[in-house]
Amino acid sequence: GTVGRELEQDAPELTHILVATGGGGLIGG
């Protein structure tokens, strides 16, 4: 989930986030 935290810090204007999903750890976080 720290990927999302950094993404929001660096680009707070984003409205849609596209994430590749396998087992779901990245998109879940």
PDB file of all heavy atoms in Angstrom:
ATOM      1  N   GLY A   1       0.789  -1.223   0.000  1.00  0.00           N
ATOM      2  CA  GLY A   1       0.000   0.000   0.000  1.00  0.00           C
ATOM      3  C   GLY A   1       0.819   1.269   0.000  1.00  0.00           C
ATOM      4  O   GLY A   1       0.309   2.340  -0.359  1.00  0.00           O
ATOM      5  N   THR A   2       2.107   1.159   0.368  1.00  0.00           N
ATOM      6  CA  THR A   2       2.954   2.354   0.337  1.00  0.00           C
ATOM      7  C   THR A   2       3.166   2.871  -1.088  1.00  0.00           C
ATOM      8  O   THR A   2       3.526   4.034  -1.271  1.00  0.00           O
ATOM      9  CB  THR A   2       4.310   2.105   1.019  1.00  0.00           C
ATOM     10  OG1 THR A   2       5.022   1.070   0.332  1.00  0.00           O
ATOM     11  CG2 THR A   2       4.120   1.701   2.484  1.00  0.00           C
ATOM     12  N   VAL A   3       2.932   2.024  -2.095  1.00  0.00           N
ATOM     13  CA  VAL A   3       2.942   2.521  -3.478  1.00  0.00           C
ATOM     14  C   VAL A   3       1.854   3.582  -3.648  1.00  0.00           C
ATOM     15  O   VAL A   3       2.086   4.653  -4.219  1.00  0.00           O
ATOM     16  CB  VAL A   3       2.723   1.368  -4.486  1.00  0.00           C
ATOM     17  CG1 VAL A   3       2.589   1.914  -5.906  1.00  0.00           C
ATOM     18  CG2 VAL A   3       3.857   0.362  -4.417  1.00  0.00           C
ATOM     19  N   GLY A   4       0.649   3.291  -3.156  1.00  0.00           N
ATOM     20  CA  GLY A   4      -0.448   4.251  -3.237  1.00  0.00           C
ATOM     21  C   GLY A   4      -0.161   5.512  -2.440  1.00  0.00           C
ATOM     22  O   GLY A   4      -0.487   6.625  -2.880  1.00  0.00           O
ATOM     23  N   ARG A   5       0.428   5.358  -1.273  1.00  0.00           N
ATOM     24  CA  ARG A   5       0.768   6.517  -0.443  1.00  0.00           C
ATOM     25  C   ARG A   5       1.720   7.460  -1.177  1.00  0.00           C
ATOM     26  O   ARG A   5       1.527   8.682  -1.196  1.00  0.00           O
ATOM     27  CB  ARG A   5       1.376   6.039   0.872  1.00  0.00           C
ATOM     28  CG  ARG A   5       1.695   7.140   1.884  1.00  0.00           C
ATOM     29  CD  ARG A   5       2.161   6.515   3.184  1.00  0.00           C
ATOM     30  NE  ARG A   5       2.441   7.520   4.195  1.00  0.00           N
ATOM     31  CZ  ARG A   5       3.631   8.094   4.381  1.00  0.00           C
ATOM     32  NH1 ARG A   5       4.649   7.747   3.589  1.00  0.00           N
ATOM     33  NH2 ARG A   5       3.814   8.998   5.321  1.00  0.00           N
ATOM     34  N   GLU A   6       2.757   6.900  -1.783  1.00  0.00           N
ATOM     35  CA  GLU A   6       3.698   7.720  -2.550  1.00  0.00           C
ATOM     36  C   GLU A   6       3.015   8.359  -3.749  1.00  0.00           C
ATOM     37  O   GLU A   6       3.270   9.524  -4.074  1.00  0.00           O
ATOM     38  CB  GLU A   6       4.880   6.881  -3.016  1.00  0.00           C
ATOM     39  CG  GLU A   6       5.844   6.493  -1.915  1.00  0.00           C
ATOM     40  CD  GLU A   6       7.000   5.664  -2.444  1.00  0.00           C
ATOM     41  OE1 GLU A   6       7.196   5.607  -3.680  1.00  0.00           O
ATOM     42  OE2 GLU A   6       7.726   5.071  -1.618  1.00  0.00           O
ATOM     43  N   LEU A   7       2.160   7.596  -4.402  1.00  0.00           N
ATOM     44  CA  LEU A   7       1.476   8.104  -5.587  1.00  0.00           C
ATOM     45  C   LEU A   7       0.604   9.298  -5.226  1.00  0.00           C
ATOM     46  O   LEU A   7       0.581  10.313  -5.936  1.00  0.00           O
ATOM     47  CB  LEU A   7       0.644   6.985  -6.209  1.00  0.00           C
ATOM     48  CG  LEU A   7       0.117   7.145  -7.631  1.00  0.00           C
ATOM     49  CD1 LEU A   7       1.214   7.553  -8.593  1.00  0.00           C
ATOM     50  CD2 LEU A   7      -0.537   5.850  -8.083  1.00  0.00           C
ATOM     51  N   GLU A   8      -0.100   9.211  -4.124  1.00  0.00           N
ATOM     52  CA  GLU A   8      -0.926  10.339  -3.705  1.00  0.00           C
ATOM     53  C   GLU A   8      -0.081  11.537  -3.294  1.00  0.00           C
ATOM     54  O   GLU A   8      -0.430  12.692  -3.579  1.00  0.00           O
ATOM     55  CB  GLU A   8      -1.840   9.931  -2.553  1.00  0.00           C
ATOM     56  CG  GLU A   8      -2.834  11.029  -2.195  1.00  0.00           C
ATOM     57  CD  GLU A   8      -3.734  10.665  -1.041  1.00  0.00           C
ATOM     58  OE1 GLU A   8      -3.218  10.215   0.007  1.00  0.00           O
ATOM     59  OE2 GLU A   8      -4.959  10.841  -1.173  1.00  0.00           O
ATOM     60  N   GLN A   9       1.064  11.290  -2.657  1.00  0.00           N
ATOM     61  CA  GLN A   9       1.956  12.379  -2.279  1.00  0.00           C
ATOM     62  C   GLN A   9       2.467  13.118  -3.516  1.00  0.00           C
ATOM     63  O   GLN A   9       2.505  14.353  -3.549  1.00  0.00           O
ATOM     64  CB  GLN A   9       3.149  11.847  -1.486  1.00  0.00           C
ATOM     65  CG  GLN A   9       2.828  11.410  -0.070  1.00  0.00           C
ATOM     66  CD  GLN A   9       4.038  10.790   0.620  1.00  0.00           C
ATOM     67  OE1 GLN A   9       4.999  10.361  -0.036  1.00  0.00           O
ATOM     68  NE2 GLN A   9       3.988  10.714   1.934  1.00  0.00           N
ATOM     69  N   ASP A  10       2.858  12.366  -4.532  1.00  0.00           N
ATOM     70  CA  ASP A  10       3.497  12.954  -5.707  1.00  0.00           C
ATOM     71  C   ASP A  10       2.503  13.445  -6.752  1.00  0.00           C
ATOM     72  O   ASP A  10       2.844  14.304  -7.568  1.00  0.00           O
ATOM     73  CB  ASP A  10       4.441  11.923  -6.349  1.00  0.00           C
ATOM     74  CG  ASP A  10       5.609  11.553  -5.454  1.00  0.00           C
ATOM     75  OD1 ASP A  10       5.900  12.313  -4.510  1.00  0.00           O
ATOM     76  OD2 ASP A  10       6.221  10.487  -5.684  1.00  0.00           O
ATOM     77  N   ALA A  11       1.295  12.889  -6.756  1.00  0.00           N
ATOM     78  CA  ALA A  11       0.288  13.270  -7.748  1.00  0.00           C
ATOM     79  C   ALA A  11      -1.094  13.269  -7.100  1.00  0.00           C
ATOM     80  O   ALA A  11      -1.936  12.414  -7.400  1.00  0.00           O
ATOM     81  CB  ALA A  11       0.330  12.320  -8.945  1.00  0.00           C
ATOM     82  N   PRO A  12      -1.354  14.227  -6.200  1.00  0.00           N
ATOM     83  CA  PRO A  12      -2.632  14.230  -5.474  1.00  0.00           C
ATOM     84  C   PRO A  12      -3.841  14.486  -6.360  1.00  0.00           C
ATOM     85  O   PRO A  12      -4.978  14.257  -5.932  1.00  0.00           O
ATOM     86  CB  PRO A  12      -2.448  15.355  -4.456  1.00  0.00           C
ATOM     87  CG  PRO A  12      -1.397  16.234  -5.041  1.00  0.00           C
ATOM     88  CD  PRO A  12      -0.478  15.326  -5.784  1.00  0.00           C
ATOM     89  N   GLU A  13      -3.610  14.935  -7.595  1.00  0.00           N
ATOM     90  CA  GLU A  13      -4.723  15.253  -8.490  1.00  0.00           C
ATOM     91  C   GLU A  13      -5.317  14.030  -9.186  1.00  0.00           C
ATOM     92  O   GLU A  13      -6.365  14.122  -9.842  1.00  0.00           O
ATOM     93  CB  GLU A  13      -4.248  16.240  -9.560  1.00  0.00           C
ATOM     94  CG  GLU A  13      -3.370  15.654 -10.674  1.00  0.00           C
ATOM     95  CD  GLU A  13      -1.922  15.401 -10.285  1.00  0.00           C
ATOM     96  OE1 GLU A  13      -1.559  15.680  -9.113  1.00  0.00           O
ATOM     97  OE2 GLU A  13      -1.144  14.930 -11.131  1.00  0.00           O
ATOM     98  N   LEU A  14      -4.692  12.863  -9.068  1.00  0.00           N
ATOM     99  CA  LEU A  14      -5.149  11.690  -9.810  1.00  0.00           C
ATOM    100  C   LEU A  14      -6.556  11.270  -9.387  1.00  0.00           C
ATOM    101  O   LEU A  14      -6.875  11.235  -8.200  1.00  0.00           O
ATOM    102  CB  LEU A  14      -4.180  10.527  -9.619  1.00  0.00           C
ATOM    103  CG  LEU A  14      -2.761  10.732 -10.165  1.00  0.00           C
ATOM    104  CD1 LEU A  14      -1.911   9.506  -9.890  1.00  0.00           C
ATOM    105  CD2 LEU A  14      -2.780  11.073 -11.649  1.00  0.00           C
ATOM    106  N   THR A  15      -7.356  10.926 -10.389  1.00  0.00           N
ATOM    107  CA  THR A  15      -8.736  10.491 -10.123  1.00  0.00           C
ATOM    108  C   THR A  15      -8.926   8.995 -10.359  1.00  0.00           C
ATOM    109  O   THR A  15      -9.873   8.408  -9.840  1.00  0.00           O
ATOM    110  CB  THR A  15      -9.721  11.249 -11.031  1.00  0.00           C
ATOM    111  OG1 THR A  15      -9.401  10.974 -12.415  1.00  0.00           O
ATOM    112  CG2 THR A  15      -9.649  12.749 -10.778  1.00  0.00           C
ATOM    113  N   HIS A  16      -8.070   8.390 -11.169  1.00  0.00           N
ATOM    114  CA  HIS A  16      -8.187   6.969 -11.505  1.00  0.00           C
ATOM    115  C   HIS A  16      -6.795   6.340 -11.471  1.00  0.00           C
ATOM    116  O   HIS A  16      -5.847   6.896 -12.052  1.00  0.00           O
ATOM    117  CB  HIS A  16      -8.796   6.780 -12.897  1.00  0.00           C
ATOM    118  CG  HIS A  16     -10.216   7.243 -13.002  1.00  0.00           C
ATOM    119  ND1 HIS A  16     -10.554   8.581 -13.037  1.00  0.00           N
ATOM    120  CD2 HIS A  16     -11.389   6.536 -13.066  1.00  0.00           C
ATOM    121  CE1 HIS A  16     -11.858   8.694 -13.124  1.00  0.00           C
ATOM    122  NE2 HIS A  16     -12.395   7.476 -13.144  1.00  0.00           N
ATOM    123  N   ILE A  17      -6.679   5.189 -10.804  1.00  0.00           N
ATOM    124  CA  ILE A  17      -5.404   4.487 -10.666  1.00  0.00           C
ATOM    125  C   ILE A  17      -5.561   3.101 -11.279  1.00  0.00           C
ATOM    126  O   ILE A  17      -6.409   2.309 -10.843  1.00  0.00           O
ATOM    127  CB  ILE A  17      -4.989   4.335  -9.185  1.00  0.00           C
ATOM    128  CG1 ILE A  17      -5.220   5.630  -8.395  1.00  0.00           C
ATOM    129  CG2 ILE A  17      -3.542   3.860  -9.095  1.00  0.00           C
ATOM    130  CD1 ILE A  17      -4.419   6.802  -8.847  1.00  0.00           C
ATOM    131  N   LEU A  18      -4.749   2.779 -12.296  1.00  0.00           N
ATOM    132  CA  LEU A  18      -4.775   1.469 -12.941  1.00  0.00           C
ATOM    133  C   LEU A  18      -3.675   0.594 -12.356  1.00  0.00           C
ATOM    134  O   LEU A  18      -2.506   0.989 -12.321  1.00  0.00           O
ATOM    135  CB  LEU A  18      -4.571   1.603 -14.446  1.00  0.00           C
ATOM    136  CG  LEU A  18      -5.594   2.452 -15.218  1.00  0.00           C
ATOM    137  CD1 LEU A  18      -5.283   2.416 -16.704  1.00  0.00           C
ATOM    138  CD2 LEU A  18      -7.009   1.971 -14.965  1.00  0.00           C
ATOM    139  N   VAL A  19      -4.061  -0.610 -11.914  1.00  0.00           N
ATOM    140  CA  VAL A  19      -3.138  -1.499 -11.218  1.00  0.00           C
ATOM    141  C   VAL A  19      -3.268  -2.912 -11.784  1.00  0.00           C
ATOM    142  O   VAL A  19      -4.376  -3.452 -11.867  1.00  0.00           O
ATOM    143  CB  VAL A  19      -3.443  -1.540  -9.703  1.00  0.00           C
ATOM    144  CG1 VAL A  19      -2.386  -2.369  -8.968  1.00  0.00           C
ATOM    145  CG2 VAL A  19      -3.521  -0.135  -9.117  1.00  0.00           C
ATOM    146  N   ALA A  20      -2.153  -3.516 -12.175  1.00  0.00           N
ATOM    147  CA  ALA A  20      -2.169  -4.915 -12.595  1.00  0.00           C
ATOM    148  C   ALA A  20      -2.410  -5.795 -11.376  1.00  0.00           C
ATOM    149  O   ALA A  20      -1.846  -5.571 -10.301  1.00  0.00           O
ATOM    150  CB  ALA A  20      -0.850  -5.288 -13.255  1.00  0.00           C
ATOM    151  N   THR A  21      -3.226  -6.833 -11.545  1.00  0.00           N
ATOM    152  CA  THR A  21      -3.622  -7.681 -10.426  1.00  0.00           C
ATOM    153  C   THR A  21      -3.292  -9.136 -10.703  1.00  0.00           C
ATOM    154  O   THR A  21      -3.600  -9.664 -11.767  1.00  0.00           O
ATOM    155  CB  THR A  21      -5.135  -7.551 -10.159  1.00  0.00           C
ATOM    156  OG1 THR A  21      -5.450  -6.185  -9.878  1.00  0.00           O
ATOM    157  CG2 THR A  21      -5.554  -8.410  -8.980  1.00  0.00           C
ATOM    158  N   GLY A  22      -2.663  -9.771  -9.712  1.00  0.00           N
ATOM    159  CA  GLY A  22      -2.458 -11.212  -9.717  1.00  0.00           C
ATOM    160  C   GLY A  22      -3.199 -11.782  -8.516  1.00  0.00           C
ATOM    161  O   GLY A  22      -4.404 -11.965  -8.527  1.00  0.00           O
ATOM    162  N   GLY A  23      -2.466 -12.009  -7.417  1.00  0.00           N
ATOM    163  CA  GLY A  23      -3.109 -12.437  -6.182  1.00  0.00           C
ATOM    164  C   GLY A  23      -3.798 -11.317  -5.442  1.00  0.00           C
ATOM    165  O   GLY A  23      -4.625 -11.559  -4.567  1.00  0.00           O
ATOM    166  N   GLY A  24      -3.424 -10.072  -5.755  1.00  0.00           N
ATOM    167  CA  GLY A  24      -4.142  -8.930  -5.204  1.00  0.00           C
ATOM    168  C   GLY A  24      -3.442  -8.152  -4.119  1.00  0.00           C
ATOM    169  O   GLY A  24      -4.028  -7.226  -3.550  1.00  0.00           O
ATOM    170  N   GLY A  25      -2.175  -8.468  -3.817  1.00  0.00           N
ATOM    171  CA  GLY A  25      -1.485  -7.738  -2.774  1.00  0.00           C
ATOM    172  C   GLY A  25      -1.304  -6.270  -3.091  1.00  0.00           C
ATOM    173  O   GLY A  25      -1.524  -5.403  -2.232  1.00  0.00           O
ATOM    174  N   LEU A  26      -0.909  -5.968  -4.318  1.00  0.00           N
ATOM    175  CA  LEU A  26      -0.665  -4.577  -4.694  1.00  0.00           C
ATOM    176  C   LEU A  26      -1.960  -3.784  -4.746  1.00  0.00           C
ATOM    177  O   LEU A  26      -2.075  -2.713  -4.137  1.00  0.00           O
ATOM    178  CB  LEU A  26       0.053  -4.515  -6.037  1.00  0.00           C
ATOM    179  CG  LEU A  26       0.358  -3.108  -6.575  1.00  0.00           C
ATOM    180  CD1 LEU A  26       1.235  -2.317  -5.615  1.00  0.00           C
ATOM    181  CD2 LEU A  26       1.005  -3.188  -7.956  1.00  0.00           C
ATOM    182  N   ILE A  27      -2.942  -4.294  -5.467  1.00  0.00           N
ATOM    183  CA  ILE A  27      -4.181  -3.525  -5.587  1.00  0.00           C
ATOM    184  C   ILE A  27      -4.915  -3.459  -4.245  1.00  0.00           C
ATOM    185  O   ILE A  27      -5.544  -2.439  -3.922  1.00  0.00           O
ATOM    186  CB  ILE A  27      -5.093  -4.085  -6.687  1.00  0.00           C
ATOM    187  CG1 ILE A  27      -6.164  -3.037  -7.054  1.00  0.00           C
ATOM    188  CG2 ILE A  27      -5.717  -5.412  -6.296  1.00  0.00           C
ATOM    189  CD1 ILE A  27      -6.906  -3.327  -8.324  1.00  0.00           C
ATOM    190  N   GLY A  28      -4.795  -4.505  -3.426  1.00  0.00           N
ATOM    191  CA  GLY A  28      -5.411  -4.454  -2.114  1.00  0.00           C
ATOM    192  C   GLY A  28      -4.808  -3.374  -1.245  1.00  0.00           C
ATOM    193  O   GLY A  28      -5.528  -2.616  -0.576  1.00  0.00           O
ATOM    194  N   GLY A  29      -3.482  -3.271  -1.248  1.00  0.00           N
ATOM    195  CA  GLY A  29      -2.822  -2.236  -0.466  1.00  0.00           C
ATOM    196  C   GLY A  29      -3.121  -0.838  -0.969  1.00  0.00           C
ATOM    197  O   GLY A  29      -3.366   0.085  -0.183  1.00  0.00           O
TER     198      GLY A  29
END
